[in-house]
Amino acid sequence: MKYQNKNIIIGLLTMIISFSSCDVDRFPETALSDPSYWRNENDLQLAANYLYTYLPTLPVTTDVWSDDAFGTAPNPVSDGTRIAPATDGSYNTPYRLIRAANNIIEKAPRATENGLETEIVQRYIAEAKFFRAWAYFSLVQRFGDVPLILESLTEDDERLFAPANDREEVLEAIYLDLDDAVAFLPVPSEMSGEEYGRVTSTAALGFKSRVALFEGTRAKYHGYGDPQMHLNLALEAAESCMASNEHSLFGDYFDLYQYEGEGPGNSENLLVRQYGVNVSESILSHVTQRNLETGAANPTKALADAYLMVDGLPIDKSPLYDEPESIMDVFENRDPRMWDTFYKEGDEYTGTMPVFTVPSLSFQRTGFANRRYANLTDWQNSRSYIDYTIIRYAEVLLNYAEVIYEINGAISDEELNNSINLLRNRAGVVPISNAFAATNGLDMLEEIRRERRVELALEGYRYWDLIRWKTAEDVLPEAILGNFYFEDEFGTDVTPNVNEDNVIVLQAEENRSFDPDRDYLWPLPINELGLNPALKQNPNW
């Protein structure tokens, strides 16, 4: 059954409609500065609801930047052919969110003058600080040093024309905001059903573990800053989230991306973007399955090969693996999460093809098809209301395992059992131990990273993991490959390029590149450099 907090969804839609004709950059000061505003909780909630419109949306297709997915054509981020853009929403949009958050942080205290309890005011300020931290992390992740603006500014304020702040200054501000969010937001068990979908204290902890792990490993492998400090923060945040006892893994991996995985009954969800409610009450919807069906993000051979066999061993070590002679052979004895992530023969599919047979190489060009958010009823309705889980508890467990290893150079069996073995147990894959790794010649860090890759597959993590580990320069220049070309099954309507192993080649190695002196940071938009001459373009762009 579809669980929805209609109040939040309707509130979000109201905000979108109300301000669609406004200049969003000016929203905080033109729309909510009336002296009659900021008087009660309804005012604060309405202002805070606007922030939720900035949460990421479905479908997730950014894995085409990495080696895990390929669309219907090469991607310039992935293959190294992009150029500095004139404008870029990934730069401007976060600053709109920051501006709206700053406005709430500054003006919400006015409500206490009208008798609203301080605790309520602090909660909405904490929501705004969470979103401000979210926006700044998205900026630092891409661009590195960026201007740090922590208060509302007029259009002629000289601080709008100041140089960028060092990334460490921005990260310090992010951590402070998230610490306040942890302190003043409720945990899920303290919230009513009507509040489901709002940011919680444990969501802030989960996000802090993400931010600090990213920066700690990036600093470690790129050789700058104080990686140990960030790694310690990541560990503290992950441990605090785990110790809260507010979250646990959902029972079924496939259902995480279905209606069954929605609502407060699924405590694996830390932060969601809600859609709703249904065809007869359609407020917000998406068409993820339709986009993925037509090839927006097709899994690659590199991702397929990352899945273990059910004996817990990689395909190059497991006696269970034989080179496939058919499409279904690829899935034989594999980690069941692969079955849940890739379409295979017999899966429920679409209205025109109720049961899946083989991928169409016209759209699913890798010979693999993405099964995320697959739902026949939604396909027939040409819209879906399945929520998008942005942070889930599985990620916190993976962050915990990785940061333990990064700090200590080792991880105990108990720590493995408290983290990634919980994920393997759910999936039905043999757990890993230090003895198992040693006996089979496995590198523990590589296996921890592999577990992250397959558990979070096609959710938008892979590219940023390559960036922080400083492995993008080795991985991204490699050819993008698909499935084996089984001509009898795929047919000859589309004849793909294949290599000497009869594997589909989507993009050859000679057409791909990654410049380590340039591509670990994104280019600042050219127009922004013109508006603020104090900003400096990132190296070699």
Protein backbone atom coordinates (compact mmCIF):
# COMPACT_ATOMS: atom_id res chain seq x y z
CA MET A 1 0.00 0.00 0.00
CA LYS A 2 1.20 3.50 -0.81
CA TYR A 3 2.08 5.33 2.42
CA GLN A 4 2.06 9.08 2.16
CA ASN A 5 2.19 12.10 4.35
CA LYS A 6 -0.09 14.14 2.10
CA ASN A 7 0.59 17.30 4.10
CA ILE A 8 4.21 17.39 3.00
CA ILE A 9 3.49 16.47 -0.62
CA ILE A 10 0.69 19.00 -0.95
CA GLY A 11 2.87 21.56 0.80
CA LEU A 12 5.67 20.96 -1.66
CA LEU A 13 3.35 21.26 -4.64
CA THR A 14 1.87 24.45 -3.21
CA MET A 15 5.33 25.96 -2.88
CA ILE A 16 6.27 24.94 -6.42
CA ILE A 17 3.09 26.45 -7.87
CA SER A 18 3.19 29.54 -5.70
CA PHE A 19 6.70 30.53 -6.70
CA SER A 20 6.95 29.17 -10.22
CA SER A 21 6.38 32.64 -11.63
CA CYS A 22 8.91 34.28 -9.31
CA ASP A 23 12.61 34.76 -9.69
CA VAL A 24 13.72 31.92 -7.43
CA ASP A 25 16.99 33.69 -6.64
CA ARG A 26 14.99 36.46 -5.00
CA PHE A 27 12.45 34.21 -3.29
CA PRO A 28 13.68 34.59 0.29
CA GLU A 29 13.57 38.38 0.35
CA THR A 30 10.66 39.19 -1.92
CA ALA A 31 8.23 36.47 -0.87
CA LEU A 32 8.72 35.95 2.84
CA SER A 33 9.90 39.25 4.27
CA ASP A 34 6.45 40.64 5.10
CA PRO A 35 6.30 41.75 8.76
CA SER A 36 3.15 39.70 9.19
CA TYR A 37 5.07 36.54 8.41
CA TRP A 38 7.32 34.43 10.72
CA ARG A 39 4.72 34.48 13.51
CA ASN A 40 3.71 30.84 14.08
CA GLU A 41 4.64 27.25 13.33
CA ASN A 42 2.57 27.17 10.16
CA ASP A 43 4.65 30.05 8.77
CA LEU A 44 7.89 28.28 9.63
CA GLN A 45 6.72 24.97 8.22
CA LEU A 46 5.61 26.57 4.96
CA ALA A 47 8.99 28.25 4.59
CA ALA A 48 10.82 25.02 5.41
CA ASN A 49 8.67 23.03 2.96
CA TYR A 50 10.19 25.03 0.14
CA LEU A 51 13.60 23.58 0.99
CA TYR A 52 12.33 20.06 0.31
CA THR A 53 11.70 20.96 -3.33
CA TYR A 54 15.50 20.94 -3.72
CA LEU A 55 15.89 17.29 -2.77
CA PRO A 56 17.24 15.13 -5.60
CA THR A 57 14.64 13.64 -7.93
CA LEU A 58 14.19 10.45 -9.90
CA PRO A 59 15.36 9.02 -12.18
CA VAL A 60 18.96 8.50 -11.06
CA THR A 61 21.04 8.41 -14.22
CA THR A 62 24.36 9.91 -13.04
CA ASP A 63 26.01 6.49 -13.06
CA VAL A 64 26.57 7.10 -16.78
CA TRP A 65 29.39 9.38 -15.56
CA SER A 66 31.10 6.25 -14.26
CA ASP A 67 31.97 2.78 -15.52
CA ASP A 68 28.78 1.24 -14.11
CA ALA A 69 26.25 2.51 -16.66
CA PHE A 70 25.97 3.66 -20.26
CA GLY A 71 23.07 5.52 -21.84
CA THR A 72 22.14 5.61 -25.50
CA ALA A 73 25.26 7.64 -26.34
CA PRO A 74 28.67 8.39 -24.78
CA ASN A 75 28.66 10.76 -21.80
CA PRO A 76 31.12 13.69 -21.84
CA VAL A 77 31.76 13.55 -18.09
CA SER A 78 32.63 9.88 -18.35
CA ASP A 79 34.74 10.02 -21.50
CA GLY A 80 36.59 13.27 -20.79
CA THR A 81 35.22 15.33 -23.68
CA ARG A 82 33.22 17.97 -21.77
CA ILE A 83 34.15 21.64 -21.83
CA ALA A 84 33.56 24.43 -19.33
CA PRO A 85 29.88 25.43 -19.65
CA ALA A 86 28.47 28.94 -19.83
CA THR A 87 25.96 28.09 -17.09
CA ASP A 88 25.55 25.11 -14.81
CA GLY A 89 22.56 24.29 -12.63
CA SER A 90 24.76 22.24 -10.33
CA TYR A 91 26.45 25.54 -9.37
CA ASN A 92 23.55 27.98 -9.34
CA THR A 93 20.81 25.78 -7.87
CA PRO A 94 22.62 25.04 -4.58
CA TYR A 95 23.08 28.76 -4.01
CA ARG A 96 19.33 29.28 -4.40
CA LEU A 97 18.81 26.66 -1.73
CA ILE A 98 21.45 28.30 0.47
CA ARG A 99 19.76 31.64 0.11
CA ALA A 100 16.39 30.22 1.13
CA ALA A 101 17.97 28.39 4.09
CA ASN A 102 19.82 31.51 5.25
CA ASN A 103 16.54 33.40 5.20
CA ILE A 104 14.85 30.89 7.50
CA ILE A 105 17.83 30.72 9.87
CA GLU A 106 17.78 34.50 10.26
CA LYS A 107 14.04 35.15 10.44
CA ALA A 108 12.58 32.12 12.19
CA PRO A 109 13.57 33.44 15.66
CA ARG A 110 10.99 36.21 15.19
CA ALA A 111 8.32 33.61 15.94
CA THR A 112 9.52 33.35 19.54
CA GLU A 113 8.57 36.99 20.00
CA ASN A 114 5.02 35.92 19.20
CA GLY A 115 5.01 33.15 21.77
CA LEU A 116 6.10 30.14 19.71
CA GLU A 117 8.13 27.69 21.79
CA THR A 118 11.90 27.93 21.31
CA GLU A 119 12.12 24.17 20.73
CA ILE A 120 9.81 24.39 17.71
CA VAL A 121 11.74 27.32 16.25
CA GLN A 122 15.02 25.48 16.74
CA ARG A 123 13.68 22.49 14.85
CA TYR A 124 12.89 24.49 11.72
CA ILE A 125 16.21 26.31 11.92
CA ALA A 126 17.86 22.88 12.16
CA GLU A 127 16.00 21.74 9.02
CA ALA A 128 17.30 24.82 7.22
CA LYS A 129 20.84 24.10 8.42
CA PHE A 130 20.59 20.54 7.14
CA PHE A 131 19.63 21.80 3.70
CA ARG A 132 22.34 24.46 3.74
CA ALA A 133 24.88 21.74 4.51
CA TRP A 134 23.38 19.61 1.72
CA ALA A 135 23.81 22.43 -0.78
CA TYR A 136 27.36 23.27 0.22
CA PHE A 137 28.47 19.65 0.04
CA SER A 138 27.15 19.35 -3.50
CA LEU A 139 29.23 22.42 -4.38
CA VAL A 140 32.44 21.30 -2.66
CA GLN A 141 32.12 17.81 -4.10
CA ARG A 142 32.15 19.20 -7.64
CA PHE A 143 34.02 22.49 -7.56
CA GLY A 144 36.28 22.41 -4.50
CA ASP A 145 36.77 25.96 -3.21
CA VAL A 146 33.51 27.95 -3.44
CA PRO A 147 32.14 31.17 -1.91
CA LEU A 148 30.81 30.59 1.60
CA ILE A 149 27.72 32.72 2.27
CA LEU A 150 26.06 32.16 5.64
CA GLU A 151 23.64 35.09 5.70
CA SER A 152 21.23 36.81 3.35
CA LEU A 153 22.90 39.37 1.14
CA THR A 154 21.56 42.20 -0.96
CA GLU A 155 22.36 42.17 -4.64
CA ASP A 156 25.01 44.86 -4.28
CA ASP A 157 26.74 43.38 -1.23
CA GLU A 158 30.49 43.31 -1.82
CA ARG A 159 30.71 39.81 -0.35
CA LEU A 160 28.99 38.53 -3.49
CA PHE A 161 32.15 39.50 -5.36
CA ALA A 162 34.66 37.99 -2.96
CA PRO A 163 37.06 35.13 -3.84
CA ALA A 164 36.08 31.55 -3.14
CA ASN A 165 36.63 30.17 0.35
CA ASP A 166 38.97 27.25 0.91
CA ARG A 167 37.17 23.89 0.87
CA GLU A 168 38.21 23.28 4.50
CA GLU A 169 36.34 26.42 5.58
CA VAL A 170 33.25 25.28 3.74
CA LEU A 171 33.45 21.78 5.22
CA GLU A 172 33.81 23.23 8.71
CA ALA A 173 30.59 25.16 8.14
CA ILE A 174 28.90 22.00 6.86
CA TYR A 175 29.88 20.06 9.97
CA LEU A 176 28.66 22.83 12.27
CA ASP A 177 25.31 22.94 10.48
CA LEU A 178 24.93 19.17 10.66
CA ASP A 179 25.85 19.12 14.35
CA ASP A 180 23.03 21.59 15.00
CA ALA A 181 20.70 19.46 12.89
CA VAL A 182 21.62 16.39 14.96
CA ALA A 183 21.07 18.31 18.20
CA PHE A 184 17.71 19.93 17.42
CA LEU A 185 15.93 17.57 15.01
CA PRO A 186 13.83 14.69 16.37
CA VAL A 187 14.69 11.04 15.82
CA PRO A 188 12.14 9.07 13.75
CA SER A 189 10.52 7.41 16.77
CA GLU A 190 9.66 10.84 18.19
CA MET A 191 7.75 11.87 15.06
CA SER A 192 4.10 11.38 14.21
CA GLY A 193 3.03 9.65 11.03
CA GLU A 194 2.06 13.03 9.57
CA GLU A 195 5.67 14.15 9.92
CA TYR A 196 7.10 11.27 7.89
CA GLY A 197 9.36 12.63 5.17
CA ARG A 198 10.79 15.49 7.22
CA VAL A 199 14.48 15.53 8.05
CA THR A 200 15.49 13.75 11.24
CA SER A 201 18.47 13.71 13.56
CA THR A 202 19.60 10.33 12.22
CA ALA A 203 19.33 11.58 8.63
CA ALA A 204 21.76 14.33 9.61
CA LEU A 205 24.10 11.73 11.14
CA GLY A 206 23.89 9.57 8.04
CA PHE A 207 24.61 12.52 5.81
CA LYS A 208 27.52 13.65 8.00
CA SER A 209 29.05 10.18 7.69
CA ARG A 210 28.75 10.53 3.89
CA VAL A 211 30.35 13.98 3.81
CA ALA A 212 33.20 13.16 6.17
CA LEU A 213 34.00 9.83 4.49
CA PHE A 214 34.10 11.55 1.12
CA GLU A 215 36.43 14.28 2.31
CA GLY A 216 38.55 12.02 4.51
CA THR A 217 39.28 9.54 1.75
CA ARG A 218 39.66 12.25 -0.87
CA ALA A 219 42.18 14.10 1.29
CA LYS A 220 44.01 10.83 2.03
CA TYR A 221 44.35 9.66 -1.55
CA HIS A 222 44.84 13.08 -3.12
CA GLY A 223 47.36 14.10 -0.46
CA TYR A 224 46.06 17.27 1.18
CA GLY A 225 44.52 18.56 4.40
CA ASP A 226 43.82 16.49 7.50
CA PRO A 227 42.25 13.21 6.37
CA GLN A 228 42.35 11.70 9.86
CA MET A 229 40.12 14.43 11.26
CA HIS A 230 37.47 13.85 8.60
CA LEU A 231 37.67 10.07 8.92
CA ASN A 232 37.20 10.30 12.68
CA LEU A 233 34.11 12.46 12.14
CA ALA A 234 32.75 9.93 9.65
CA LEU A 235 33.22 7.11 12.14
CA GLU A 236 31.62 9.06 14.99
CA ALA A 237 28.59 9.93 12.86
CA ALA A 238 28.11 6.39 11.57
CA GLU A 239 28.50 4.89 15.05
CA SER A 240 26.02 7.38 16.51
CA CYS A 241 23.46 6.57 13.84
CA MET A 242 23.94 2.83 14.42
CA ALA A 243 23.78 3.21 18.22
CA SER A 244 20.49 5.15 18.00
CA ASN A 245 18.65 1.87 17.34
CA GLU A 246 16.31 3.85 15.11
CA HIS A 247 17.20 1.98 11.93
CA SER A 248 17.58 -1.53 10.59
CA LEU A 249 17.70 -3.18 7.18
CA PHE A 250 14.48 -3.80 5.27
CA GLY A 251 13.67 -7.44 4.64
CA ASP A 252 13.75 -7.53 0.83
CA TYR A 253 16.29 -5.76 -1.39
CA PHE A 254 14.10 -5.55 -4.50
CA ASP A 255 11.22 -4.09 -2.52
CA LEU A 256 13.39 -1.16 -1.41
CA TYR A 257 12.53 0.28 -4.83
CA GLN A 258 8.84 -0.61 -4.68
CA TYR A 259 5.79 0.65 -2.79
CA GLU A 260 6.41 -2.07 -0.20
CA GLY A 261 9.55 -0.23 0.88
CA GLU A 262 7.84 3.07 1.68
CA GLY A 263 6.71 4.73 4.86
CA PRO A 264 7.86 4.70 8.48
CA GLY A 265 7.51 0.91 8.54
CA ASN A 266 10.77 0.70 6.57
CA SER A 267 13.34 1.94 9.06
CA GLU A 268 16.14 1.53 6.50
CA ASN A 269 15.02 4.84 5.01
CA LEU A 270 16.80 7.84 6.53
CA LEU A 271 15.82 10.47 3.96
CA VAL A 272 13.30 10.18 1.14
CA ARG A 273 11.88 12.30 -1.62
CA GLN A 274 8.17 11.63 -1.54
CA TYR A 275 5.93 11.21 -4.54
CA GLY A 276 2.21 10.77 -4.43
CA VAL A 277 -0.34 9.85 -4.06
CA ASN A 278 -1.99 7.75 -6.79
CA VAL A 279 -3.63 8.08 -10.21
CA SER A 280 -6.89 9.44 -8.80
CA GLU A 281 -5.03 11.85 -6.50
CA SER A 282 -1.95 12.64 -8.57
CA ILE A 283 0.16 15.33 -6.94
CA LEU A 284 3.79 14.50 -7.75
CA SER A 285 4.91 11.63 -9.95
CA HIS A 286 7.87 10.45 -12.01
CA VAL A 287 8.45 8.22 -15.04
CA THR A 288 11.65 6.51 -13.96
CA GLN A 289 10.81 3.10 -15.39
CA ARG A 290 9.98 4.62 -18.78
CA ASN A 291 13.28 6.51 -18.83
CA LEU A 292 15.31 3.47 -17.84
CA GLU A 293 13.42 1.22 -20.24
CA THR A 294 14.52 3.44 -23.12
CA GLY A 295 18.16 3.30 -22.10
CA ALA A 296 18.88 6.22 -19.80
CA ALA A 297 21.28 4.19 -17.61
CA ASN A 298 22.05 0.65 -18.75
CA PRO A 299 24.28 -1.52 -16.54
CA THR A 300 27.70 -2.36 -17.96
CA LYS A 301 29.88 -5.47 -17.91
CA ALA A 302 32.10 -3.77 -15.33
CA LEU A 303 29.16 -3.59 -12.91
CA ALA A 304 27.96 -7.10 -13.78
CA ASP A 305 31.42 -8.54 -13.14
CA ALA A 306 31.56 -6.87 -9.72
CA TYR A 307 28.79 -9.09 -8.35
CA LEU A 308 30.09 -12.04 -6.35
CA MET A 309 29.04 -15.61 -6.75
CA VAL A 310 26.80 -16.90 -3.97
CA ASP A 311 29.85 -18.59 -2.38
CA GLY A 312 31.18 -15.10 -1.58
CA LEU A 313 33.97 -15.21 -4.16
CA PRO A 314 34.57 -13.01 -7.23
CA ILE A 315 34.00 -14.55 -10.64
CA ASP A 316 37.76 -14.89 -11.22
CA LYS A 317 38.15 -17.00 -8.05
CA SER A 318 34.92 -18.93 -7.66
CA PRO A 319 34.63 -22.53 -8.87
CA LEU A 320 30.95 -21.81 -9.48
CA TYR A 321 31.71 -19.47 -12.39
CA ASP A 322 31.79 -20.60 -15.99
CA GLU A 323 31.94 -18.28 -18.98
CA PRO A 324 28.30 -17.80 -19.98
CA GLU A 325 26.89 -19.35 -23.13
CA SER A 326 23.54 -17.56 -22.88
CA ILE A 327 22.11 -14.43 -21.33
CA MET A 328 20.65 -16.32 -18.37
CA ASP A 329 24.01 -17.98 -17.73
CA VAL A 330 25.35 -14.56 -16.73
CA PHE A 331 23.06 -14.63 -13.68
CA GLU A 332 23.75 -18.23 -12.66
CA ASN A 333 24.83 -18.58 -9.01
CA ARG A 334 25.33 -14.83 -8.67
CA ASP A 335 24.63 -12.47 -5.78
CA PRO A 336 20.80 -12.19 -5.83
CA ARG A 337 21.10 -8.40 -5.77
CA MET A 338 22.18 -8.70 -9.38
CA TRP A 339 18.85 -10.40 -10.14
CA ASP A 340 17.06 -7.51 -8.42
CA THR A 341 19.03 -4.82 -10.28
CA PHE A 342 19.21 -6.25 -13.82
CA TYR A 343 16.24 -7.43 -15.85
CA LYS A 344 16.35 -11.11 -16.73
CA GLU A 345 14.10 -13.50 -18.60
CA GLY A 346 10.79 -14.04 -16.82
CA ASP A 347 10.66 -10.74 -14.90
CA GLU A 348 7.45 -8.72 -15.01
CA TYR A 349 8.07 -5.98 -17.55
CA THR A 350 5.70 -3.68 -19.50
CA GLY A 351 2.20 -3.51 -20.90
CA THR A 352 3.36 -4.42 -24.40
CA MET A 353 5.70 -7.14 -23.10
CA PRO A 354 4.32 -8.33 -19.74
CA VAL A 355 7.24 -10.75 -19.28
CA PHE A 356 10.83 -9.75 -20.01
CA THR A 357 12.72 -11.81 -22.58
CA VAL A 358 15.96 -10.17 -23.78
CA PRO A 359 17.25 -6.58 -23.75
CA SER A 360 16.63 -4.51 -26.85
CA LEU A 361 20.00 -3.38 -28.18
CA SER A 362 18.28 -0.37 -29.75
CA PHE A 363 17.85 1.14 -26.27
CA GLN A 364 19.48 -1.16 -23.73
CA ARG A 365 22.68 -0.93 -25.69
CA THR A 366 24.88 -2.74 -23.20
CA GLY A 367 22.80 -5.89 -23.47
CA PHE A 368 21.77 -5.37 -19.86
CA ALA A 369 18.58 -3.63 -18.69
CA ASN A 370 18.13 -1.56 -15.51
CA ARG A 371 15.38 -2.96 -13.27
CA ARG A 372 15.21 -0.16 -10.67
CA TYR A 373 11.63 0.99 -9.86
CA ALA A 374 10.16 -1.56 -12.26
CA ASN A 375 6.41 -1.79 -11.71
CA LEU A 376 3.93 -3.01 -14.31
CA THR A 377 0.98 -0.99 -12.97
CA ASP A 378 3.07 2.20 -13.00
CA TRP A 379 4.18 1.47 -16.56
CA GLN A 380 0.55 1.03 -17.64
CA ASN A 381 -0.35 4.33 -15.94
CA SER A 382 2.63 6.13 -17.51
CA ARG A 383 3.59 7.51 -14.09
CA SER A 384 4.95 6.27 -10.79
CA TYR A 385 4.56 7.37 -7.19
CA ILE A 386 7.31 5.21 -5.69
CA ASP A 387 9.38 7.32 -3.31
CA TYR A 388 13.08 7.92 -3.85
CA THR A 389 15.23 6.94 -0.88
CA ILE A 390 18.14 9.40 -0.86
CA ILE A 391 19.91 8.11 2.27
CA ARG A 392 19.39 4.61 3.61
CA TYR A 393 20.82 2.73 6.54
CA ALA A 394 22.74 0.37 4.26
CA GLU A 395 24.94 3.30 3.25
CA VAL A 396 25.66 4.11 6.90
CA LEU A 397 26.80 0.51 7.46
CA LEU A 398 29.02 0.68 4.38
CA ASN A 399 30.45 4.04 5.49
CA TYR A 400 31.20 2.51 8.89
CA ALA A 401 33.04 -0.51 7.46
CA GLU A 402 35.06 1.56 5.02
CA VAL A 403 36.11 4.22 7.50
CA ILE A 404 37.11 1.58 10.07
CA TYR A 405 39.47 0.09 7.49
CA GLU A 406 40.75 3.45 6.31
CA ILE A 407 41.63 4.47 9.88
CA ASN A 408 43.06 1.17 11.14
CA GLY A 409 44.21 -0.62 7.99
CA ALA A 410 42.14 -3.56 9.23
CA ILE A 411 38.63 -4.48 10.32
CA SER A 412 37.62 -7.10 12.87
CA ASP A 413 35.18 -9.91 12.22
CA GLU A 414 32.83 -8.35 14.77
CA GLU A 415 32.90 -5.06 12.87
CA LEU A 416 32.26 -6.93 9.62
CA ASN A 417 29.31 -8.73 11.21
CA ASN A 418 27.89 -5.41 12.41
CA SER A 419 28.08 -3.86 8.94
CA ILE A 420 28.56 -5.44 5.54
CA ASN A 421 27.73 -8.98 6.61
CA LEU A 422 24.26 -7.72 7.52
CA LEU A 423 23.91 -6.74 3.87
CA ARG A 424 25.27 -10.06 2.64
CA ASN A 425 22.95 -11.97 4.93
CA ARG A 426 19.96 -10.13 3.52
CA ALA A 427 21.15 -10.80 -0.02
CA GLY A 428 21.90 -14.48 0.56
CA VAL A 429 25.65 -14.27 -0.04
CA VAL A 430 28.27 -16.02 2.11
CA PRO A 431 29.54 -13.58 4.77
CA ILE A 432 33.15 -12.40 4.73
CA SER A 433 35.65 -12.80 7.56
CA ASN A 434 39.35 -12.13 7.84
CA ALA A 435 40.05 -15.86 7.62
CA PHE A 436 37.84 -16.20 4.53
CA ALA A 437 39.65 -13.29 2.87
CA ALA A 438 43.10 -14.69 3.72
CA THR A 439 42.27 -18.23 2.59
CA ASN A 440 40.95 -17.03 -0.76
CA GLY A 441 43.53 -14.33 -1.44
CA LEU A 442 41.05 -11.46 -1.18
CA ASP A 443 42.03 -7.87 -0.48
CA MET A 444 39.75 -6.70 2.35
CA LEU A 445 39.60 -3.05 1.27
CA GLU A 446 38.74 -4.13 -2.26
CA GLU A 447 35.94 -6.33 -0.93
CA ILE A 448 34.56 -3.54 1.25
CA ARG A 449 34.53 -1.29 -1.81
CA ARG A 450 32.93 -4.04 -3.89
CA GLU A 451 30.17 -4.44 -1.32
CA ARG A 452 29.48 -0.71 -1.54
CA ARG A 453 29.40 -0.85 -5.31
CA VAL A 454 26.84 -3.65 -5.60
CA GLU A 455 24.64 -2.69 -2.63
CA LEU A 456 24.34 0.91 -3.88
CA ALA A 457 24.46 0.04 -7.58
CA LEU A 458 22.87 2.54 -9.97
CA GLU A 459 21.99 4.92 -7.13
CA GLY A 460 24.53 7.57 -8.18
CA TYR A 461 27.47 6.76 -5.88
CA ARG A 462 30.03 5.14 -8.19
CA TYR A 463 31.42 8.24 -9.95
CA TRP A 464 32.04 10.07 -6.69
CA ASP A 465 33.67 7.00 -5.19
CA LEU A 466 36.13 6.91 -8.09
CA ILE A 467 36.82 10.60 -7.55
CA ARG A 468 37.54 10.33 -3.82
CA TRP A 469 39.62 7.14 -4.13
CA LYS A 470 41.65 8.76 -6.93
CA THR A 471 41.02 5.78 -9.15
CA ALA A 472 39.05 7.65 -11.82
CA GLU A 473 42.27 8.20 -13.77
CA ASP A 474 42.69 4.41 -14.04
CA VAL A 475 39.07 3.30 -14.42
CA LEU A 476 37.41 5.89 -16.64
CA PRO A 477 39.84 5.72 -19.60
CA GLU A 478 39.03 2.02 -20.02
CA ALA A 479 36.66 0.85 -22.75
CA ILE A 480 32.99 0.67 -21.83
CA LEU A 481 31.81 -2.89 -22.39
CA GLY A 482 28.45 -4.59 -22.30
CA ASN A 483 27.23 -8.16 -22.19
CA PHE A 484 28.51 -11.01 -24.34
CA TYR A 485 26.83 -10.78 -27.73
CA PHE A 486 24.65 -13.85 -27.94
CA GLU A 487 23.46 -13.42 -31.51
CA ASP A 488 20.83 -16.15 -31.37
CA GLU A 489 19.13 -14.37 -28.46
CA PHE A 490 19.77 -10.69 -29.20
CA GLY A 491 18.99 -11.06 -32.89
CA THR A 492 20.51 -9.08 -35.72
CA ASP A 493 18.22 -6.03 -35.90
CA VAL A 494 21.06 -4.18 -34.20
CA THR A 495 24.56 -5.49 -34.74
CA PRO A 496 26.85 -4.06 -32.07
CA ASN A 497 30.60 -3.67 -32.16
CA VAL A 498 32.26 -6.55 -30.33
CA ASN A 499 35.80 -7.31 -29.23
CA GLU A 500 37.84 -10.49 -29.62
CA ASP A 501 35.95 -12.03 -26.68
CA ASN A 502 32.58 -11.39 -28.37
CA VAL A 503 31.77 -8.73 -25.78
CA ILE A 504 29.75 -5.67 -26.83
CA VAL A 505 31.93 -2.53 -27.05
CA LEU A 506 30.03 0.70 -26.41
CA GLN A 507 33.01 3.03 -26.43
CA ALA A 508 36.57 2.07 -27.26
CA GLU A 509 39.49 2.95 -25.02
CA GLU A 510 41.00 5.30 -27.62
CA ASN A 511 37.88 7.49 -27.41
CA ARG A 512 38.03 7.92 -23.64
CA SER A 513 40.34 9.92 -21.39
CA PHE A 514 40.66 11.34 -17.89
CA ASP A 515 43.10 14.14 -17.10
CA PRO A 516 44.14 13.79 -13.43
CA ASP A 517 45.40 17.38 -13.44
CA ARG A 518 41.97 18.65 -14.47
CA ASP A 519 39.08 16.22 -14.13
CA TYR A 520 39.00 15.63 -10.37
CA LEU A 521 37.30 19.03 -10.12
CA TRP A 522 34.51 20.38 -12.27
CA PRO A 523 34.81 23.63 -14.25
CA LEU A 524 33.17 26.74 -12.87
CA PRO A 525 30.54 28.16 -15.25
CA ILE A 526 32.00 30.82 -17.53
CA ASN A 527 29.18 33.26 -16.75
CA GLU A 528 29.96 33.08 -13.02
CA LEU A 529 33.57 34.04 -13.70
CA GLY A 530 32.29 37.04 -15.61
CA LEU A 531 29.93 38.08 -12.82
CA ASN A 532 32.62 37.72 -10.17
CA PRO A 533 36.16 38.35 -11.45
CA ALA A 534 37.56 37.33 -8.05
CA LEU A 535 36.61 33.72 -8.76
CA LYS A 536 39.33 31.66 -10.39
CA GLN A 537 38.68 28.81 -12.80
CA ASN A 538 39.69 25.37 -11.59
CA PRO A 539 43.08 24.17 -12.88
CA ASN A 540 43.44 23.37 -16.59
CA TRP A 541 39.82 24.14 -17.52
